[in-house]
């Protein structure tokens, strides 16, 4: 029917393409069941959920550690505290000097005897 080699190669190529297409389409001999098959039991799903929750708790705990404040005092915080205490002490000494009571020169007392003599 095909005297040339080129025609023979074309026929083989078309046959392979038809064979490939028919193998990819679902066959009518396999009928899907109307009731879905359960591949996992309920205990397996429950255990999987519990395991997922435990893993999530661990991830959240690890993530929270990133944003926690450090509980110990840092060197910078200690130095600021020392500096503020020194400034407060200097201020208290200054205020104490302002209100320090210094006795001035003795002034003679002037009595107003006119009130007593009027009896």
Foldseek 3Di string as FASTA:
>chain_A
DDPDPVVVVVVVVVVVVVVVVVVPDDDPVDDDDPDDDDPDDPVVVVVVVVVVVVVVVVVVVVVVVVVDDDPDDDPVNVVVVVVVVVVVVVVVVVVCVVPPDDDDDDDDDDDDCPVVVPD
